[in-house]
Structures are given as C-alpha cells and as structure tokens.
Amino acid sequence: MTENYRILVINPGSTSTKVALFDGSSPTFSNTIRHSDEDLSPFPNITSQYEFREEIILRMLKDNGISPESIDAVVGRGGLLYPLEGGTYEVNDLMKEHLLAGVLGEHASNLGGLISSAIADEIGVPAFIVDPVVVDEMDDIARISGHPILKRKSIFHALNHKACARVAAEGMNKKYADVNMIVAHMGGGISIAAHKKGRVVDVNNALNGDGPFTPERAGGLPVADLVKLCFSGKYAESEIQKMIKGKGGLVAYLGTNDVREIIVKIEAGDKKAKLVLDAMGYQIAKEIGLLATVLEGDVDAIVLSGGVAYSDYVVREIMRRTEWIAPVVIIPGEAEMEALAGGAIRVLKNEETANIYMGNRE
C-alpha cells in the first residue's frame, strides 16, 4: 500500500449525500446525490435510510468505473454520539448501536458512520468518523453557567474548526498542538472557540441560544425577558424555539439570512440593514475578545471561516475591532470533505492513532 491513500468520503444531509474520492489530499471525484421526498418517504426515520443510501453510493462508484477494492478507507461525517475528544475514530459496534438508536437525537450526520462502516465492511478496510459536532474538550471552569441545573455544553462546528485551525497553524510553520487560536465559524450558525494547544477549551453553544446572533439564530438573549415571553401565553414552545433557531438573527430583523442581499440594501442607503449587520459583526468581535481572556492574551492567530467570511464588509468590521489581539487569518467557506479525508489519512500514515469510541454518558 502506498502513502497516496485512496479515501472514500461520505457526508450525508437530510435530503442529499455528498460523496468524494480522494487520492491523497486531492479529490479526484465528487458528486452530490439528491434524495426526493418520494425516495425517502418509505423510511420511518433517518437512520433507517442507511442501506438505501449505501446502495446508491455503490452503484454510483460502479457507474463511474471506480473499483471499491481500490479504496483504502471510508470516512463519514460524525453524528450525535455521546461527547468525545476531538480526532479520528474508527467506527465500532458500540458507535453503530448508538447511531442507530439516536442516543442524542435524530440527525442526518448519524448516517455517516453507518454508511461508511457498511461499505468498508464489504471492501475489508477501516471506517472512520472525524471531529463530530459532539466534540467536547471544554475546561471544567467553562462548563459553569450560573445555575447548576443549566450546564454549558460544547456543541459547535468541530470538523471545520479543527480543519481551519490546522491550516492556519501550517501557515505559521507550526503544529496545531503547539499554538493558541480563536476560531470563528460563521455560517447560518456561528461558533467561536478558544483553541489551546490543540484542544477547544471554551466555545459558545452554536445550536441552542448562546454567543452572537447569526444569520438565522438569536444567540444569547436577555434571559428575564425571554422567560416572560415564554410564559406570556402568546407563543407556543415551538414558536419560541423557532425564534431562537431558524427565525432569529438577521432573518428576524431583516427578513433574510443572505448577507449578500443585506449588503445590497446597505449600498442603497438602508440604515437599518447597516445597523443590524454591523451589530452582528460587533457581537462576533466581542465574543472573540472574551475568548482572548480565556487564553490569557496568548493568542497566535484569529481565524475567520464559514460562508459569511466571504463578505469583505463583515470581515472588515470584525478585523477593525480584533486585529490588535492577534493576526487575523481568513479561510472562507468550509472544507468538510477535505477535513474528513485528512483525518483518515493521518491515521493511515500513523501520524495519529485512531480513537476508540467508549460511549461515555458524562
């Protein structure tokens, strides 16, 4: 086996499955398989779709002349498992059991480990997941919220965070494990984390109401006023949840989650659009400043990633307030497929050891 490993990468979404084949670090084939409502209607839940999606992927490989026997490993997007350390994990029976059972909920990413394992078993190669959203490396002090009933949780864009941090570290001719960074992933949700010597020691809950507001999430809200709203009788719980995630942030203020549309409004003189977008940049910058104290001012770089990082306007606003802390590195978009392949390759090259999923409940 050469060091130019061939990796099959699988990234399932709710109505699509992204598939790519990497020869080393370069993708030589990629495709997004779309699944219609009619295709998915026979399945009672997401995880029951894994054999259906596996068959489509195998057929696609055959149709494109790709021999499964040429593949050295299969890697899938990690799902909602019990909290674990960052890194690459070989898919084991306990992981598959927990993904099938949905121990922390139903999510399309639960399919990643199941499909990759099914295909890998047929070929006779290892199956992996890499840095799922449940990566939890927070310091104990960061878990304290202010009330023992409500514990701070680590839920963030771990895969893209870790990948961008590694790229930024390489740009400084250093290893990820040797640097301190603040990484901000800015998409529909925004997660901002303190990376300390290869560990994410503090991060906002990017899913359920914490940190800056985002294109479609409300972020941290005035707590007492939110409680009053919940008990006002005007809104059902589902409506409140939508205010927090889905119809919050830019959507609530401006009716769109598209930063490009808002920039057009600003250029046309819309003062409200400018105020709201500037406020989002202000809150992102403020969160970065907070995390600089977590790292005690020892910050090697600030990394801005995600789709919003394509916006020069938003990036300028954040840099204006934060570049005094550390150099700012811009890595726009996301590189999930490359990050998944990279995790598998590091293990195959013995640069890292594959972790074992133990299913800890604490």
Protein backbone atom coordinates (compact mmCIF):
# COMPACT_ATOMS: atom_id res chain seq x y z
CA MET A 1 0.00 0.00 0.00
CA THR A 2 1.44 3.37 -1.00
CA GLU A 3 1.21 6.54 1.02
CA ASN A 4 -1.06 8.06 -1.62
CA TYR A 5 -4.08 6.58 0.09
CA ARG A 6 -7.45 6.45 -1.67
CA ILE A 7 -10.22 7.61 0.67
CA LEU A 8 -13.97 7.46 0.07
CA VAL A 9 -15.67 10.35 1.91
CA ILE A 10 -19.41 10.40 2.72
CA ASN A 11 -21.22 13.44 4.11
CA PRO A 12 -24.99 12.84 4.49
CA GLY A 13 -27.53 15.65 4.64
CA SER A 14 -31.26 15.47 5.25
CA THR A 15 -32.10 15.34 1.52
CA SER A 16 -28.71 14.73 -0.08
CA THR A 17 -25.50 12.74 0.27
CA LYS A 18 -22.17 14.29 -0.69
CA VAL A 19 -19.62 11.75 -1.90
CA ALA A 20 -15.98 12.32 -2.83
CA LEU A 21 -12.98 10.17 -3.65
CA PHE A 22 -9.58 11.46 -2.54
CA ASP A 23 -6.25 10.24 -3.85
CA GLY A 24 -4.08 11.61 -1.10
CA SER A 25 -5.19 15.12 -0.19
CA SER A 26 -6.71 15.84 -3.62
CA PRO A 27 -10.27 14.97 -4.64
CA THR A 28 -10.39 13.09 -7.94
CA PHE A 29 -14.16 12.58 -7.97
CA SER A 30 -17.08 14.25 -6.22
CA ASN A 31 -20.84 14.17 -6.54
CA THR A 32 -23.91 15.24 -4.59
CA ILE A 33 -26.73 12.71 -4.68
CA ARG A 34 -30.15 14.32 -4.24
CA HIS A 35 -32.94 12.41 -2.48
CA SER A 36 -36.54 13.35 -3.27
CA ASP A 37 -39.40 13.21 -0.76
CA GLU A 38 -40.69 10.22 -2.74
CA ASP A 39 -37.33 8.44 -2.33
CA LEU A 40 -37.28 8.94 1.43
CA SER A 41 -40.98 8.55 2.26
CA PRO A 42 -40.83 4.74 2.83
CA PHE A 43 -38.39 5.18 5.73
CA PRO A 44 -39.76 5.82 9.24
CA ASN A 45 -36.69 7.74 10.38
CA ILE A 46 -33.31 9.00 9.17
CA THR A 47 -31.14 6.10 10.33
CA SER A 48 -33.32 3.54 8.57
CA GLN A 49 -32.17 5.11 5.28
CA TYR A 50 -28.57 3.96 5.56
CA GLU A 51 -28.85 0.77 3.44
CA PHE A 52 -30.77 2.68 0.76
CA ARG A 53 -28.10 5.38 0.60
CA GLU A 54 -25.29 2.79 0.70
CA GLU A 55 -26.69 1.05 -2.37
CA ILE A 56 -26.89 4.33 -4.29
CA ILE A 57 -23.26 5.15 -3.46
CA LEU A 58 -22.01 1.72 -4.52
CA ARG A 59 -23.98 1.98 -7.78
CA MET A 60 -22.55 5.46 -8.40
CA LEU A 61 -18.99 4.15 -7.90
CA LYS A 62 -19.65 1.32 -10.37
CA ASP A 63 -21.21 3.69 -12.94
CA ASN A 64 -18.09 5.86 -12.76
CA GLY A 65 -15.65 2.97 -13.13
CA ILE A 66 -14.36 3.21 -9.55
CA SER A 67 -13.41 -0.16 -8.12
CA PRO A 68 -14.32 -0.45 -4.42
CA GLU A 69 -11.25 -2.66 -3.97
CA SER A 70 -9.03 0.34 -4.82
CA ILE A 71 -10.25 2.20 -1.71
CA ASP A 72 -8.05 2.16 1.41
CA ALA A 73 -10.55 3.57 3.91
CA VAL A 74 -14.07 5.00 4.12
CA VAL A 75 -14.80 8.05 6.28
CA GLY A 76 -18.19 9.55 7.13
CA ARG A 77 -19.46 12.69 8.81
CA GLY A 78 -19.80 12.03 12.54
CA GLY A 79 -23.21 12.07 14.20
CA LEU A 80 -24.90 12.75 17.53
CA LEU A 81 -22.97 10.46 19.86
CA TYR A 82 -22.08 10.86 23.50
CA PRO A 83 -19.49 13.65 23.99
CA LEU A 84 -15.94 12.76 22.97
CA GLU A 85 -12.49 14.22 22.43
CA GLY A 86 -11.60 15.61 19.03
CA GLY A 87 -9.86 13.40 16.49
CA THR A 88 -10.46 10.45 14.17
CA TYR A 89 -12.48 7.49 15.44
CA GLU A 90 -12.71 4.03 13.93
CA VAL A 91 -16.35 3.02 13.67
CA ASN A 92 -17.02 0.21 16.13
CA ASP A 93 -20.10 -1.81 17.10
CA LEU A 94 -20.96 0.44 20.06
CA MET A 95 -20.84 3.53 17.86
CA LYS A 96 -23.15 1.92 15.30
CA GLU A 97 -25.53 0.85 18.07
CA HIS A 98 -25.69 4.42 19.41
CA LEU A 99 -26.11 5.95 15.94
CA LEU A 100 -28.95 3.56 15.14
CA ALA A 101 -30.62 4.25 18.49
CA GLY A 102 -30.20 8.02 18.16
CA VAL A 103 -28.92 8.29 21.74
CA LEU A 104 -28.67 12.08 21.47
CA GLY A 105 -31.26 12.58 18.76
CA GLU A 106 -32.00 12.04 15.09
CA HIS A 107 -29.71 13.82 12.63
CA ALA A 108 -28.62 13.15 9.06
CA SER A 109 -24.98 13.04 10.17
CA ASN A 110 -25.83 9.86 12.15
CA LEU A 111 -25.82 8.14 8.77
CA GLY A 112 -22.14 8.93 8.15
CA GLY A 113 -20.72 6.27 10.44
CA LEU A 114 -23.36 3.71 9.48
CA ILE A 115 -22.88 4.02 5.72
CA SER A 116 -19.09 4.22 5.89
CA SER A 117 -18.97 1.10 8.07
CA ALA A 118 -21.30 -0.86 5.78
CA ILE A 119 -19.22 -0.06 2.68
CA ALA A 120 -15.90 -0.58 4.47
CA ASP A 121 -17.00 -3.99 5.76
CA GLU A 122 -17.78 -5.11 2.19
CA ILE A 123 -14.35 -3.97 0.98
CA GLY A 124 -12.42 -5.11 4.04
CA VAL A 125 -10.96 -1.71 5.01
CA PRO A 126 -11.35 0.53 8.09
CA ALA A 127 -14.22 3.01 8.52
CA PHE A 128 -13.79 6.29 10.38
CA ILE A 129 -15.59 9.42 11.53
CA VAL A 130 -13.74 12.68 12.25
CA ASP A 131 -14.47 15.52 14.72
CA PRO A 132 -18.27 15.22 15.04
CA VAL A 133 -20.38 18.09 16.41
CA VAL A 134 -20.33 16.49 19.87
CA VAL A 135 -16.59 17.05 20.33
CA ASP A 136 -16.20 18.22 23.95
CA GLU A 137 -12.81 19.37 25.23
CA MET A 138 -14.04 22.23 27.40
CA ASP A 139 -12.25 23.06 30.63
CA ASP A 140 -14.35 22.35 33.70
CA ILE A 141 -14.41 26.03 34.63
CA ALA A 142 -16.02 26.82 31.26
CA ARG A 143 -18.95 24.48 31.98
CA ILE A 144 -20.22 26.56 34.90
CA SER A 145 -23.19 28.61 33.70
CA GLY A 146 -24.50 30.42 36.75
CA HIS A 147 -27.02 27.79 37.87
CA PRO A 148 -26.30 24.08 38.48
CA ILE A 149 -29.43 22.97 36.62
CA LEU A 150 -28.19 24.62 33.42
CA LYS A 151 -24.78 23.34 32.34
CA ARG A 152 -22.87 24.92 29.46
CA LYS A 153 -22.46 22.43 26.61
CA SER A 154 -19.97 22.03 23.79
CA ILE A 155 -21.93 22.00 20.51
CA PHE A 156 -20.11 23.59 17.58
CA HIS A 157 -18.78 23.18 14.04
CA ALA A 158 -15.92 20.98 15.28
CA LEU A 159 -14.93 19.49 11.92
CA ASN A 160 -14.42 22.83 10.18
CA HIS A 161 -12.95 24.46 13.30
CA LYS A 162 -10.22 21.86 13.63
CA ALA A 163 -9.52 21.79 9.89
CA CYS A 164 -9.14 25.58 9.63
CA ALA A 165 -7.01 25.71 12.77
CA ARG A 166 -4.63 23.13 11.25
CA VAL A 167 -4.41 25.12 8.01
CA ALA A 168 -3.69 28.33 9.91
CA ALA A 169 -1.04 26.60 12.04
CA GLU A 170 0.66 25.21 8.92
CA GLY A 171 0.73 28.76 7.54
CA MET A 172 2.78 29.72 10.60
CA ASN A 173 5.03 26.65 10.15
CA LYS A 174 3.72 25.29 13.42
CA LYS A 175 1.66 22.33 14.56
CA TYR A 176 -1.93 22.74 15.70
CA ALA A 177 -0.99 21.20 19.06
CA ASP A 178 1.60 23.95 19.64
CA VAL A 179 -0.49 27.09 19.07
CA ASN A 180 -3.30 29.09 20.68
CA MET A 181 -6.05 30.38 18.37
CA ILE A 182 -9.51 31.84 18.38
CA VAL A 183 -11.54 30.34 15.53
CA ALA A 184 -14.87 31.77 14.38
CA HIS A 185 -17.00 29.65 12.05
CA MET A 186 -19.61 32.00 10.58
CA GLY A 187 -22.48 30.38 8.69
CA GLY A 188 -26.19 30.01 9.40
CA GLY A 189 -24.95 29.31 12.91
CA ILE A 190 -21.85 30.90 14.41
CA SER A 191 -19.45 29.13 16.76
CA ILE A 192 -16.42 30.87 18.23
CA ALA A 193 -13.89 28.84 20.19
CA ALA A 194 -10.65 29.14 22.10
CA HIS A 195 -8.22 26.52 20.75
CA LYS A 196 -5.46 25.97 23.30
CA LYS A 197 -2.61 23.70 22.19
CA GLY A 198 -4.92 21.51 20.08
CA ARG A 199 -7.94 21.49 22.43
CA VAL A 200 -11.14 23.55 22.26
CA VAL A 201 -11.23 24.68 25.89
CA ASP A 202 -14.23 27.03 25.55
CA VAL A 203 -16.89 27.60 22.88
CA ASN A 204 -20.40 29.01 22.64
CA ASN A 205 -23.31 26.63 22.08
CA ALA A 206 -23.80 27.34 18.39
CA LEU A 207 -27.11 25.50 18.19
CA ASN A 208 -29.37 26.48 21.04
CA GLY A 209 -29.03 30.13 22.00
CA ASP A 210 -25.57 31.28 23.09
CA GLY A 211 -22.99 33.71 21.78
CA PRO A 212 -23.52 36.25 18.97
CA PHE A 213 -26.67 36.33 16.88
CA THR A 214 -26.27 34.85 13.41
CA PRO A 215 -27.98 34.95 10.01
CA GLU A 216 -30.80 32.78 11.42
CA ARG A 217 -30.19 32.25 15.16
CA ALA A 218 -30.86 34.64 18.01
CA GLY A 219 -27.76 33.89 20.06
CA GLY A 220 -27.71 34.99 23.71
CA LEU A 221 -30.92 36.85 24.61
CA PRO A 222 -31.93 38.89 27.70
CA VAL A 223 -32.85 35.99 30.00
CA ALA A 224 -35.59 37.56 32.15
CA ASP A 225 -37.36 39.00 29.10
CA LEU A 226 -37.18 35.63 27.35
CA VAL A 227 -38.72 33.92 30.39
CA LYS A 228 -41.59 36.43 30.39
CA LEU A 229 -42.12 35.81 26.68
CA CYS A 230 -42.26 32.06 27.27
CA PHE A 231 -45.00 32.46 29.90
CA SER A 232 -46.92 35.25 28.17
CA GLY A 233 -49.33 32.81 26.54
CA LYS A 234 -48.74 34.44 23.16
CA TYR A 235 -46.41 31.80 21.77
CA ALA A 236 -46.22 28.01 21.72
CA GLU A 237 -42.92 26.37 22.70
CA SER A 238 -42.28 25.50 19.05
CA GLU A 239 -42.62 29.18 18.10
CA ILE A 240 -40.16 30.24 20.79
CA GLN A 241 -37.73 27.58 19.60
CA LYS A 242 -38.02 28.96 16.06
CA MET A 243 -37.25 32.45 17.35
CA ILE A 244 -34.04 31.05 18.84
CA LYS A 245 -33.04 28.87 15.88
CA GLY A 246 -34.33 29.30 12.34
CA LYS A 247 -36.16 32.61 12.52
CA GLY A 248 -33.85 34.61 14.73
CA GLY A 249 -30.90 36.87 13.98
CA LEU A 250 -30.77 38.56 10.57
CA VAL A 251 -33.96 36.76 9.50
CA ALA A 252 -35.91 38.26 12.41
CA TYR A 253 -34.61 41.78 11.85
CA LEU A 254 -34.33 41.95 8.05
CA GLY A 255 -36.30 39.01 6.63
CA THR A 256 -33.31 37.28 5.04
CA ASN A 257 -30.32 35.17 6.08
CA ASP A 258 -28.34 36.15 2.96
CA VAL A 259 -25.59 38.62 3.85
CA ARG A 260 -25.18 39.46 0.16
CA GLU A 261 -28.75 40.75 -0.03
CA ILE A 262 -28.19 42.86 3.07
CA ILE A 263 -25.02 44.38 1.60
CA VAL A 264 -27.05 45.45 -1.46
CA LYS A 265 -29.55 47.13 0.88
CA ILE A 266 -26.75 48.90 2.73
CA GLU A 267 -25.25 50.15 -0.53
CA ALA A 268 -28.69 51.52 -1.41
CA GLY A 269 -28.73 53.51 1.83
CA ASP A 270 -30.75 51.24 4.12
CA LYS A 271 -29.68 52.43 7.61
CA LYS A 272 -31.50 49.66 9.49
CA ALA A 273 -29.76 46.99 7.41
CA LYS A 274 -26.40 48.59 8.18
CA LEU A 275 -27.10 48.82 11.91
CA VAL A 276 -28.18 45.19 12.20
CA LEU A 277 -25.32 43.74 10.12
CA ASP A 278 -22.82 45.92 11.98
CA ALA A 279 -24.31 44.63 15.25
CA MET A 280 -23.69 41.03 14.17
CA GLY A 281 -20.05 41.87 13.40
CA TYR A 282 -19.84 43.72 16.73
CA GLN A 283 -21.11 40.70 18.66
CA ILE A 284 -18.75 38.33 16.84
CA ALA A 285 -15.82 40.63 17.65
CA LYS A 286 -16.95 40.90 21.28
CA GLU A 287 -17.03 37.08 21.59
CA ILE A 288 -13.51 36.91 20.15
CA GLY A 289 -12.41 39.47 22.74
CA LEU A 290 -13.95 37.42 25.54
CA LEU A 291 -12.03 34.34 24.43
CA ALA A 292 -8.78 36.29 24.35
CA THR A 293 -9.12 36.45 28.14
CA VAL A 294 -9.61 32.67 28.24
CA LEU A 295 -6.22 32.32 26.53
CA GLU A 296 -4.81 34.98 28.89
CA GLY A 297 -3.84 37.17 25.93
CA ASP A 298 -1.57 34.49 24.46
CA VAL A 299 -3.22 34.32 21.01
CA ASP A 300 -1.19 33.30 17.95
CA ALA A 301 -3.98 33.95 15.43
CA ILE A 302 -7.67 34.67 14.95
CA VAL A 303 -9.26 32.58 12.19
CA LEU A 304 -12.46 33.61 10.39
CA SER A 305 -14.17 30.85 8.39
CA GLY A 306 -17.57 29.81 7.05
CA GLY A 307 -19.76 31.32 4.36
CA VAL A 308 -20.01 34.75 6.00
CA ALA A 309 -16.21 35.05 5.80
CA TYR A 310 -16.68 35.63 2.06
CA SER A 311 -18.17 39.02 2.95
CA ASP A 312 -15.44 41.67 2.89
CA TYR A 313 -17.83 44.03 4.68
CA VAL A 314 -18.37 41.76 7.70
CA VAL A 315 -14.71 40.69 7.83
CA ARG A 316 -13.57 44.34 7.86
CA GLU A 317 -15.91 45.12 10.76
CA ILE A 318 -14.59 42.20 12.79
CA MET A 319 -10.95 42.90 11.99
CA ARG A 320 -11.33 46.56 12.90
CA ARG A 321 -12.19 45.52 16.43
CA THR A 322 -9.95 42.45 16.88
CA GLU A 323 -6.73 42.61 14.87
CA TRP A 324 -4.98 44.30 17.81
CA ILE A 325 -5.33 40.97 19.64
CA ALA A 326 -3.56 38.81 17.04
CA PRO A 327 -3.11 38.45 13.27
CA VAL A 328 -6.39 37.60 11.52
CA VAL A 329 -6.42 34.71 9.04
CA ILE A 330 -9.32 34.45 6.59
CA ILE A 331 -10.31 30.94 5.44
CA PRO A 332 -13.75 31.44 3.86
CA GLY A 333 -16.28 28.67 3.30
CA GLU A 334 -15.98 25.16 4.66
CA ALA A 335 -13.77 22.23 3.74
CA GLU A 336 -15.63 19.36 5.38
CA MET A 337 -14.83 16.76 2.73
CA GLU A 338 -11.12 17.60 2.80
CA ALA A 339 -11.17 17.58 6.61
CA LEU A 340 -12.78 14.13 6.70
CA ALA A 341 -10.26 12.71 4.22
CA GLY A 342 -7.41 14.33 6.13
CA GLY A 343 -8.45 12.68 9.39
CA ALA A 344 -8.38 9.23 7.80
CA ILE A 345 -5.07 9.87 6.05
CA ARG A 346 -3.36 10.99 9.27
CA VAL A 347 -4.31 7.68 10.88
CA LEU A 348 -3.26 5.57 7.88
CA LYS A 349 0.10 7.36 7.81
CA ASN A 350 0.50 6.74 11.57
CA GLU A 351 0.65 10.49 12.21
CA GLU A 352 -2.25 9.97 14.64
CA THR A 353 -3.80 6.99 16.37
CA ALA A 354 -7.47 6.27 15.78
CA ASN A 355 -9.51 6.87 18.92
CA ILE A 356 -11.88 4.28 20.35
CA TYR A 357 -15.47 5.30 20.98
CA MET A 358 -16.44 4.26 24.51
CA GLY A 359 -19.92 5.82 24.65
CA ASN A 360 -19.40 7.68 27.93
CA ARG A 361 -22.59 9.29 29.20
CA GLU A 362 -20.90 12.04 31.20
